[in-house]
Amino acid sequence: MKETAQQYVQRVLGYLEGKSVLDVLATSPSHIERLIVGVAADRLAKRPLPDKWSVVQILAHLADVELVQGFRVRMILGAPGTPIQGFDQDAWAQTCDYESQESSLSFEAYRVTRERTLRLFKSLSPDMWNRYGLHSERGNETVKRVSEMMAGHDINHIRQIEAILKT
């Protein structure tokens, strides 16, 4: 059974366990890099199960999500109350052929986009963190909540990459 939007939010936010959101966002790229550097391409491309993503697919997903989340934050900041469209990550994975993406390019896109997003977050005034958009599946989402979801999302995928590479 697929989880609801609310269950997804609870699960992803649960990964934070009191961690600093900005610290997680700042350290995730280097953590992922340490996990994947020197790993053979065929190992990165291997799916742990037929219905689970490989590291290559996770990296392509992280690059796309970083782009989407950065766009959402900028839309919210520039036009508070703006609609935020959800998306089907599995449809994107298939349509964008995550399986055949170059892991190093996906990682670099994620890393550079994250760097820019972090710079933006660090420049925000306290009231800007409370600006919100209207997410199509989750309702009102503040910039603060988007940043928390990004950090929890990173932790989720870091754990997946660790588990895949342990096998």
C-alpha atoms as a PDB file:
ATOM      1  CA  MET A   1       0.000   0.000   0.000  1.00  0.00           C
ATOM      2  CA  LYS A   2       1.331   3.401  -0.985  1.00  0.00           C
ATOM      3  CA  GLU A   3       1.739   5.880   1.868  1.00  0.00           C
ATOM      4  CA  THR A   4      -0.426   9.012   2.071  1.00  0.00           C
ATOM      5  CA  ALA A   5       1.019  12.506   1.735  1.00  0.00           C
ATOM      6  CA  GLN A   6       0.731  12.933   5.517  1.00  0.00           C
ATOM      7  CA  GLN A   7       2.476   9.607   6.189  1.00  0.00           C
ATOM      8  CA  TYR A   8       5.257  10.610   3.806  1.00  0.00           C
ATOM      9  CA  VAL A   9       5.740  13.942   5.608  1.00  0.00           C
ATOM     10  CA  GLN A  10       5.841  12.219   9.011  1.00  0.00           C
ATOM     11  CA  ARG A  11       8.318   9.608   7.806  1.00  0.00           C
ATOM     12  CA  VAL A  12      10.665  12.108   6.143  1.00  0.00           C
ATOM     13  CA  LEU A  13      10.560  14.588   9.039  1.00  0.00           C
ATOM     14  CA  GLY A  14      11.185  11.695  11.433  1.00  0.00           C
ATOM     15  CA  TYR A  15      14.637  11.209   9.908  1.00  0.00           C
ATOM     16  CA  LEU A  16      15.722  14.604  11.281  1.00  0.00           C
ATOM     17  CA  GLU A  17      15.581  13.416  14.920  1.00  0.00           C
ATOM     18  CA  GLY A  18      16.558  16.850  16.275  1.00  0.00           C
ATOM     19  CA  LYS A  19      19.343  17.434  13.756  1.00  0.00           C
ATOM     20  CA  SER A  20      20.031  20.936  12.450  1.00  0.00           C
ATOM     21  CA  VAL A  21      18.329  21.289   9.075  1.00  0.00           C
ATOM     22  CA  LEU A  22      20.999  23.577   7.642  1.00  0.00           C
ATOM     23  CA  ASP A  23      23.769  21.255   8.863  1.00  0.00           C
ATOM     24  CA  VAL A  24      22.128  18.262   7.186  1.00  0.00           C
ATOM     25  CA  LEU A  25      21.631  20.231   3.975  1.00  0.00           C
ATOM     26  CA  ALA A  26      25.257  21.408   4.043  1.00  0.00           C
ATOM     27  CA  THR A  27      26.836  18.020   4.765  1.00  0.00           C
ATOM     28  CA  SER A  28      24.684  15.681   2.668  1.00  0.00           C
ATOM     29  CA  PRO A  29      26.567  16.201  -0.614  1.00  0.00           C
ATOM     30  CA  SER A  30      29.952  15.403   0.946  1.00  0.00           C
ATOM     31  CA  HIS A  31      28.457  12.417   2.771  1.00  0.00           C
ATOM     32  CA  ILE A  32      27.071  11.044  -0.494  1.00  0.00           C
ATOM     33  CA  GLU A  33      30.331  11.754  -2.289  1.00  0.00           C
ATOM     34  CA  ARG A  34      32.285   9.744   0.303  1.00  0.00           C
ATOM     35  CA  LEU A  35      29.882   6.833  -0.223  1.00  0.00           C
ATOM     36  CA  ILE A  36      30.135   6.736  -4.014  1.00  0.00           C
ATOM     37  CA  VAL A  37      33.714   7.789  -4.804  1.00  0.00           C
ATOM     38  CA  GLY A  38      35.676   4.930  -6.298  1.00  0.00           C
ATOM     39  CA  VAL A  39      32.674   2.597  -6.512  1.00  0.00           C
ATOM     40  CA  ALA A  40      32.497   0.702  -9.807  1.00  0.00           C
ATOM     41  CA  ALA A  41      29.820   1.863 -12.248  1.00  0.00           C
ATOM     42  CA  ASP A  42      28.214  -1.582 -12.427  1.00  0.00           C
ATOM     43  CA  ARG A  43      27.843  -1.641  -8.648  1.00  0.00           C
ATOM     44  CA  LEU A  44      26.225   1.832  -8.655  1.00  0.00           C
ATOM     45  CA  ALA A  45      23.846   0.663 -11.396  1.00  0.00           C
ATOM     46  CA  LYS A  46      22.785  -2.541  -9.627  1.00  0.00           C
ATOM     47  CA  ARG A  47      19.257  -2.523  -8.215  1.00  0.00           C
ATOM     48  CA  PRO A  48      18.957  -4.122  -4.766  1.00  0.00           C
ATOM     49  CA  LEU A  49      15.566  -5.566  -5.841  1.00  0.00           C
ATOM     50  CA  PRO A  50      13.727  -5.362  -9.174  1.00  0.00           C
ATOM     51  CA  ASP A  51      11.299  -2.750  -7.811  1.00  0.00           C
ATOM     52  CA  LYS A  52      13.920  -0.668  -5.954  1.00  0.00           C
ATOM     53  CA  TRP A  53      16.176   2.042  -7.341  1.00  0.00           C
ATOM     54  CA  SER A  54      19.900   1.696  -7.871  1.00  0.00           C
ATOM     55  CA  VAL A  55      22.374   4.285  -6.618  1.00  0.00           C
ATOM     56  CA  VAL A  56      22.508   5.695 -10.174  1.00  0.00           C
ATOM     57  CA  GLN A  57      18.742   6.210 -10.097  1.00  0.00           C
ATOM     58  CA  ILE A  58      18.834   7.729  -6.612  1.00  0.00           C
ATOM     59  CA  LEU A  59      21.483  10.225  -7.722  1.00  0.00           C
ATOM     60  CA  ALA A  60      19.414  11.244 -10.760  1.00  0.00           C
ATOM     61  CA  HIS A  61      16.401  11.616  -8.477  1.00  0.00           C
ATOM     62  CA  LEU A  62      18.362  13.773  -6.007  1.00  0.00           C
ATOM     63  CA  ALA A  63      19.488  16.059  -8.844  1.00  0.00           C
ATOM     64  CA  ASP A  64      15.916  16.506 -10.084  1.00  0.00           C
ATOM     65  CA  VAL A  65      14.443  17.000  -6.621  1.00  0.00           C
ATOM     66  CA  GLU A  66      17.077  19.588  -5.729  1.00  0.00           C
ATOM     67  CA  LEU A  67      16.126  21.546  -8.826  1.00  0.00           C
ATOM     68  CA  VAL A  68      12.408  21.261  -8.033  1.00  0.00           C
ATOM     69  CA  GLN A  69      12.768  22.231  -4.374  1.00  0.00           C
ATOM     70  CA  GLY A  70      14.982  25.202  -5.179  1.00  0.00           C
ATOM     71  CA  PHE A  71      12.398  26.370  -7.711  1.00  0.00           C
ATOM     72  CA  ARG A  72       9.580  25.917  -5.185  1.00  0.00           C
ATOM     73  CA  VAL A  73      11.411  27.961  -2.546  1.00  0.00           C
ATOM     74  CA  ARG A  74      12.065  30.747  -5.020  1.00  0.00           C
ATOM     75  CA  MET A  75       8.418  30.730  -6.137  1.00  0.00           C
ATOM     76  CA  ILE A  76       7.231  30.919  -2.527  1.00  0.00           C
ATOM     77  CA  LEU A  77       9.622  33.752  -1.709  1.00  0.00           C
ATOM     78  CA  GLY A  78       8.705  35.710  -4.830  1.00  0.00           C
ATOM     79  CA  ALA A  79       4.960  35.048  -4.733  1.00  0.00           C
ATOM     80  CA  PRO A  80       3.788  33.895  -1.277  1.00  0.00           C
ATOM     81  CA  GLY A  81       0.732  31.636  -1.453  1.00  0.00           C
ATOM     82  CA  THR A  82       1.723  30.373  -4.897  1.00  0.00           C
ATOM     83  CA  PRO A  83       0.489  26.914  -5.963  1.00  0.00           C
ATOM     84  CA  ILE A  84       3.116  24.155  -5.734  1.00  0.00           C
ATOM     85  CA  GLN A  85       2.571  21.167  -7.992  1.00  0.00           C
ATOM     86  CA  GLY A  86       3.441  17.721  -6.671  1.00  0.00           C
ATOM     87  CA  PHE A  87       4.990  15.134  -8.994  1.00  0.00           C
ATOM     88  CA  ASP A  88       5.197  11.364  -9.380  1.00  0.00           C
ATOM     89  CA  GLN A  89       8.830  10.418  -8.768  1.00  0.00           C
ATOM     90  CA  ASP A  90       8.407   7.010 -10.378  1.00  0.00           C
ATOM     91  CA  ALA A  91       6.983   8.554 -13.546  1.00  0.00           C
ATOM     92  CA  TRP A  92       9.946  10.956 -13.639  1.00  0.00           C
ATOM     93  CA  ALA A  93      12.380   8.062 -13.108  1.00  0.00           C
ATOM     94  CA  GLN A  94      10.904   6.199 -16.047  1.00  0.00           C
ATOM     95  CA  THR A  95      10.330   9.172 -18.356  1.00  0.00           C
ATOM     96  CA  CYS A  96      13.733  10.704 -17.666  1.00  0.00           C
ATOM     97  CA  ASP A  97      15.421   7.278 -17.866  1.00  0.00           C
ATOM     98  CA  TYR A  98      17.186   7.546 -14.509  1.00  0.00           C
ATOM     99  CA  GLU A  99      18.674   4.104 -15.091  1.00  0.00           C
ATOM    100  CA  SER A 100      20.937   5.333 -17.892  1.00  0.00           C
ATOM    101  CA  GLN A 101      22.005   8.627 -16.324  1.00  0.00           C
ATOM    102  CA  GLU A 102      25.680   9.292 -15.637  1.00  0.00           C
ATOM    103  CA  SER A 103      26.108   9.109 -11.853  1.00  0.00           C
ATOM    104  CA  SER A 104      28.894  11.704 -11.714  1.00  0.00           C
ATOM    105  CA  LEU A 105      26.835  14.259 -13.681  1.00  0.00           C
ATOM    106  CA  SER A 106      23.763  13.649 -11.530  1.00  0.00           C
ATOM    107  CA  PHE A 107      25.800  14.032  -8.356  1.00  0.00           C
ATOM    108  CA  GLU A 108      27.470  17.216  -9.592  1.00  0.00           C
ATOM    109  CA  ALA A 109      24.104  18.748 -10.561  1.00  0.00           C
ATOM    110  CA  TYR A 110      22.773  17.921  -7.087  1.00  0.00           C
ATOM    111  CA  ARG A 111      25.876  19.313  -5.349  1.00  0.00           C
ATOM    112  CA  VAL A 112      26.018  22.612  -7.239  1.00  0.00           C
ATOM    113  CA  THR A 113      22.275  23.247  -7.007  1.00  0.00           C
ATOM    114  CA  ARG A 114      22.368  22.477  -3.278  1.00  0.00           C
ATOM    115  CA  GLU A 115      25.196  24.952  -2.814  1.00  0.00           C
ATOM    116  CA  ARG A 116      23.074  27.684  -4.388  1.00  0.00           C
ATOM    117  CA  THR A 117      20.000  26.732  -2.354  1.00  0.00           C
ATOM    118  CA  LEU A 118      22.015  26.792   0.874  1.00  0.00           C
ATOM    119  CA  ARG A 119      23.319  30.249   0.033  1.00  0.00           C
ATOM    120  CA  LEU A 120      19.733  31.372  -0.443  1.00  0.00           C
ATOM    121  CA  PHE A 121      18.594  29.820   2.850  1.00  0.00           C
ATOM    122  CA  LYS A 122      21.424  31.504   4.741  1.00  0.00           C
ATOM    123  CA  SER A 123      20.375  34.891   3.346  1.00  0.00           C
ATOM    124  CA  LEU A 124      16.732  34.699   4.461  1.00  0.00           C
ATOM    125  CA  SER A 125      15.291  36.956   7.136  1.00  0.00           C
ATOM    126  CA  PRO A 126      13.303  35.215   9.903  1.00  0.00           C
ATOM    127  CA  ASP A 127       9.924  36.210   8.407  1.00  0.00           C
ATOM    128  CA  MET A 128      10.874  34.787   4.987  1.00  0.00           C
ATOM    129  CA  TRP A 129      11.077  31.272   6.487  1.00  0.00           C
ATOM    130  CA  ASN A 130       7.344  31.509   7.240  1.00  0.00           C
ATOM    131  CA  ARG A 131       6.264  32.359   3.705  1.00  0.00           C
ATOM    132  CA  TYR A 132       4.322  29.505   2.205  1.00  0.00           C
ATOM    133  CA  GLY A 133       3.038  27.965  -0.973  1.00  0.00           C
ATOM    134  CA  LEU A 134       0.017  25.739  -1.454  1.00  0.00           C
ATOM    135  CA  HIS A 135       1.253  22.215  -2.243  1.00  0.00           C
ATOM    136  CA  SER A 136      -1.177  20.217  -4.381  1.00  0.00           C
ATOM    137  CA  GLU A 137      -0.952  17.168  -2.080  1.00  0.00           C
ATOM    138  CA  ARG A 138       0.176  18.509   1.302  1.00  0.00           C
ATOM    139  CA  GLY A 139      -1.485  21.909   1.662  1.00  0.00           C
ATOM    140  CA  ASN A 140       0.343  24.973   3.006  1.00  0.00           C
ATOM    141  CA  GLU A 141       4.114  24.497   3.077  1.00  0.00           C
ATOM    142  CA  THR A 142       6.407  27.153   4.475  1.00  0.00           C
ATOM    143  CA  VAL A 143       9.969  27.667   3.300  1.00  0.00           C
ATOM    144  CA  LYS A 144      10.973  26.242   6.684  1.00  0.00           C
ATOM    145  CA  ARG A 145       8.951  23.066   6.039  1.00  0.00           C
ATOM    146  CA  VAL A 146      10.407  22.724   2.518  1.00  0.00           C
ATOM    147  CA  SER A 147      13.924  22.923   4.002  1.00  0.00           C
ATOM    148  CA  GLU A 148      13.036  20.306   6.625  1.00  0.00           C
ATOM    149  CA  MET A 149      11.606  18.006   3.956  1.00  0.00           C
ATOM    150  CA  MET A 150      14.769  18.448   1.881  1.00  0.00           C
ATOM    151  CA  ALA A 151      16.971  17.483   4.843  1.00  0.00           C
ATOM    152  CA  GLY A 152      14.853  14.461   5.757  1.00  0.00           C
ATOM    153  CA  HIS A 153      14.770  13.431   2.097  1.00  0.00           C
ATOM    154  CA  ASP A 154      18.589  13.550   2.017  1.00  0.00           C
ATOM    155  CA  ILE A 155      18.853  11.337   5.094  1.00  0.00           C
ATOM    156  CA  ASN A 156      16.384   8.850   3.615  1.00  0.00           C
ATOM    157  CA  HIS A 157      18.387   8.496   0.416  1.00  0.00           C
ATOM    158  CA  ILE A 158      21.773   8.460   2.168  1.00  0.00           C
ATOM    159  CA  ARG A 159      20.532   5.502   4.201  1.00  0.00           C
ATOM    160  CA  GLN A 160      19.338   3.800   1.026  1.00  0.00           C
ATOM    161  CA  ILE A 161      22.707   4.335  -0.679  1.00  0.00           C
ATOM    162  CA  GLU A 162      24.538   2.998   2.396  1.00  0.00           C
ATOM    163  CA  ALA A 163      22.341  -0.109   2.459  1.00  0.00           C
ATOM    164  CA  ILE A 164      22.741  -0.763  -1.273  1.00  0.00           C
ATOM    165  CA  LEU A 165      26.515  -0.430  -1.157  1.00  0.00           C
ATOM    166  CA  LYS A 166      26.825  -2.722   1.891  1.00  0.00           C
ATOM    167  CA  THR A 167      25.506  -5.672  -0.092  1.00  0.00           C
END
